[in-house]
Amino acid sequence: MVKGLGKNVIIGTVGYAFAEGILDSLIGKFGSGFGLSSDLIELGLGFYLKKRGGMIGAIGNAMFIINLYNVVKSFSGGGFNLLGITTPSTTTTGSW
C-alpha cells in the first residue's frame, strides 16, 4: 500500500475510475438538456456524495477532485497542467 494514502482513498479512486464511463454516458444522455458539461455535473454530484460516509463518500471524493481538475483546466483554456510538463513544439521544414 502506498504510504499516506488510506484504504478508502484507493478504493474510491478505483471505484470511480471503473464507473466514470457509465456515468459520463448517463449524464450525457440526461444532463445535456441543461447545457452543462458532464464534468461540471459530476463535480456537483461528487461534492454531494463526498459528504456521505464509507465507500460512497470515498468515490464522491475522488469524483470531486478529478472533475474539479477537469473544470479548472477547461476554464483556463487548457493551459493548466497539473504536473507542469510541457511538450515541445517541433516544426519541420523541407523533406529528405
Protein backbone atom coordinates (compact mmCIF):
# COMPACT_ATOMS: atom_id res chain seq x y z
CA MET A 1 0.00 0.00 0.00
CA VAL A 2 1.18 3.50 -0.76
CA LYS A 3 2.21 5.20 2.45
CA GLY A 4 0.00 8.14 3.35
CA LEU A 5 -2.98 7.01 1.27
CA GLY A 6 -5.81 5.42 3.15
CA LYS A 7 -7.65 2.35 2.01
CA ASN A 8 -10.80 4.40 1.31
CA VAL A 9 -8.93 6.81 -0.97
CA ILE A 10 -7.58 3.99 -3.11
CA ILE A 11 -10.90 2.13 -3.22
CA GLY A 12 -12.78 5.32 -4.03
CA THR A 13 -10.43 6.27 -6.85
CA VAL A 14 -10.53 2.80 -8.39
CA GLY A 15 -14.31 2.64 -7.99
CA TYR A 16 -14.76 5.98 -9.71
CA ALA A 17 -12.34 5.03 -12.49
CA PHE A 18 -14.48 1.99 -13.30
CA ALA A 19 -17.77 3.90 -13.05
CA GLU A 20 -16.72 7.04 -14.93
CA GLY A 21 -17.55 5.70 -18.39
CA ILE A 22 -21.04 4.69 -17.31
CA LEU A 23 -21.60 7.99 -15.51
CA ASP A 24 -20.40 10.02 -18.49
CA SER A 25 -22.82 8.28 -20.84
CA LEU A 26 -25.75 8.64 -18.43
CA ILE A 27 -25.00 12.28 -17.72
CA GLY A 28 -24.50 12.98 -21.41
CA LYS A 29 -27.87 11.42 -22.16
CA PHE A 30 -29.88 13.12 -19.40
CA GLY A 31 -27.79 16.17 -18.50
CA SER A 32 -27.29 17.61 -21.96
CA GLY A 33 -30.68 19.32 -21.74
CA PHE A 34 -29.34 21.65 -19.06
CA GLY A 35 -26.50 22.97 -21.21
CA LEU A 36 -23.82 21.98 -18.69
CA SER A 37 -20.75 19.88 -19.33
CA SER A 38 -20.61 16.39 -17.87
CA ASP A 39 -17.54 17.38 -15.83
CA LEU A 40 -19.48 20.19 -14.17
CA ILE A 41 -22.42 17.93 -13.35
CA GLU A 42 -20.08 15.23 -11.99
CA LEU A 43 -18.33 17.90 -9.90
CA GLY A 44 -21.64 18.75 -8.21
CA LEU A 45 -22.53 15.09 -7.78
CA GLY A 46 -19.10 14.38 -6.32
CA PHE A 47 -19.48 17.29 -3.88
CA TYR A 48 -22.80 15.85 -2.75
CA LEU A 49 -21.54 12.27 -2.45
CA LYS A 50 -18.28 13.10 -0.66
CA LYS A 51 -20.32 14.14 2.39
CA ARG A 52 -21.57 10.56 2.71
CA GLY A 53 -19.59 8.03 4.65
CA GLY A 54 -17.86 4.84 3.66
CA MET A 55 -17.21 3.77 0.11
CA ILE A 56 -19.83 6.15 -1.37
CA GLY A 57 -18.07 9.08 0.28
CA ALA A 58 -14.69 7.89 -0.98
CA ILE A 59 -16.00 7.58 -4.54
CA GLY A 60 -17.59 11.02 -4.23
CA ASN A 61 -14.32 12.49 -3.02
CA ALA A 62 -12.43 11.02 -5.99
CA MET A 63 -15.18 12.21 -8.35
CA PHE A 64 -14.99 15.72 -6.90
CA ILE A 65 -11.21 16.02 -7.12
CA ILE A 66 -10.87 14.62 -10.64
CA ASN A 67 -13.69 16.72 -12.06
CA LEU A 68 -12.51 19.84 -10.24
CA TYR A 69 -9.22 19.48 -12.12
CA ASN A 70 -11.08 18.98 -15.43
CA VAL A 71 -13.34 22.00 -14.88
CA VAL A 72 -10.46 24.30 -13.88
CA LYS A 73 -8.46 23.08 -16.88
CA SER A 74 -11.35 23.79 -19.25
CA PHE A 75 -11.93 27.28 -17.80
CA SER A 76 -8.27 28.18 -18.16
CA GLY A 77 -8.26 27.28 -21.84
CA GLY A 78 -6.41 24.02 -21.41
CA GLY A 79 -3.19 25.78 -20.40
CA PHE A 80 -3.37 24.48 -16.83
CA ASN A 81 -1.12 21.45 -16.47
CA LEU A 82 -1.12 19.56 -13.17
CA LEU A 83 2.43 18.24 -13.44
CA GLY A 84 3.94 21.26 -15.18
CA ILE A 85 5.10 19.11 -18.08
CA THR A 86 5.00 20.77 -21.45
CA THR A 87 5.53 19.11 -24.77
CA PRO A 88 7.92 20.92 -27.04
CA SER A 89 6.58 22.03 -30.36
CA THR A 90 8.50 20.87 -33.38
CA THR A 91 8.46 22.33 -36.81
CA THR A 92 9.90 20.67 -39.84
CA THR A 93 10.95 22.45 -42.95
CA GLY A 94 11.69 20.61 -46.13
CA SER A 95 11.95 16.89 -46.51
CA TRP A 96 14.56 14.37 -47.45
